[in-house]
Amino acid sequence: MRQLYLGIIAVFLIITLSACRSYTLFKTPKSPPIELKGDIKYEYIMQPFDRVVIYLYKYPELAASNLTSATNNNDEHDDMRGSMLDSEGKISLPLLGRVKLSGMTQPQASRMLEKRYAKFVKEPSVTIQVVNKRVYVLGEVRNPQSIVIDRDLTTLFEILSNCGGFTDSAQRENVIIMSHDVHGKSTLRRVDLGTFKRVVMTNILIKPGDIIYVPPDGWKEYNLNFNNYLSILRTINQVAASYFTLKSIFD
């Protein structure tokens, strides 16, 4: 019996010391160095499988005859608007046939189409809208989600407001933004939103395809870790209680 008590006490001490060690680690996290970018000058470059809506003013039937739901403004269905570029980044248009749009910005593609349509109609005016541009928000926000944006650049505060803001467990001084360029190269930015001074000094612009991750603070990680230890202690307690119950019955 004495050996059983000593064993239970030893296990309890080991778990308690491990929990304290985990608390110390989580309380003073050492974040890896992440490059903090400055100004961002960016125009979205269309890619294969993008969905586009093309407006040809004065001659809407020429550009929109093969497009779907061009007047649908419901954000929930933005990915179904327009027409999708094929694997080569091309789209079929009346009078023009198959035209490649990938690799160009929206203004560049608009000017190119205007020049081509000028052979058939007088003073064409073309506007192109990419309707599947998204930003992805993960981690300690109240409503993690992917957000459709209609601009090449938007602010981090607008994105976070659409997600309901931070949770109480958010690590605000270490918001991480992952971006990819047209060649697939990724870059990371760490943004400190912990103080007003940091917010003012930081250029916080977000572009389509960016991933925003808000990590949890040390207290949440500690609580999760400590709850795991508590579950182990509860198991030990149940085993010990069962042992003593059986022992009392047979004795």
Foldseek 3Di string as FASTA:
>chain_A
DVVLVVVLVVVVVVLVVVLVVLLVCQQDDDDDDADADADDDDFDFDAAFFFKQKAKPPCRCFFPVPWPPCVDPDLVCLSRGHDGHHNQQWDQTHPPGIDHRGPHGQVVVQVVVQVVCVVPDPRIGMGMWGRPFWEFEDEFAQAGDIGTDRGQKDFPVVVSVVRVHGDPFWPQQFKKKWDADPVGDIHIHGQGPPDPVSVVVGDGMDGGPMYIYTYGGSVVVSVVSVVVSVVVSVVVVVVVVVVVVVVVVVD
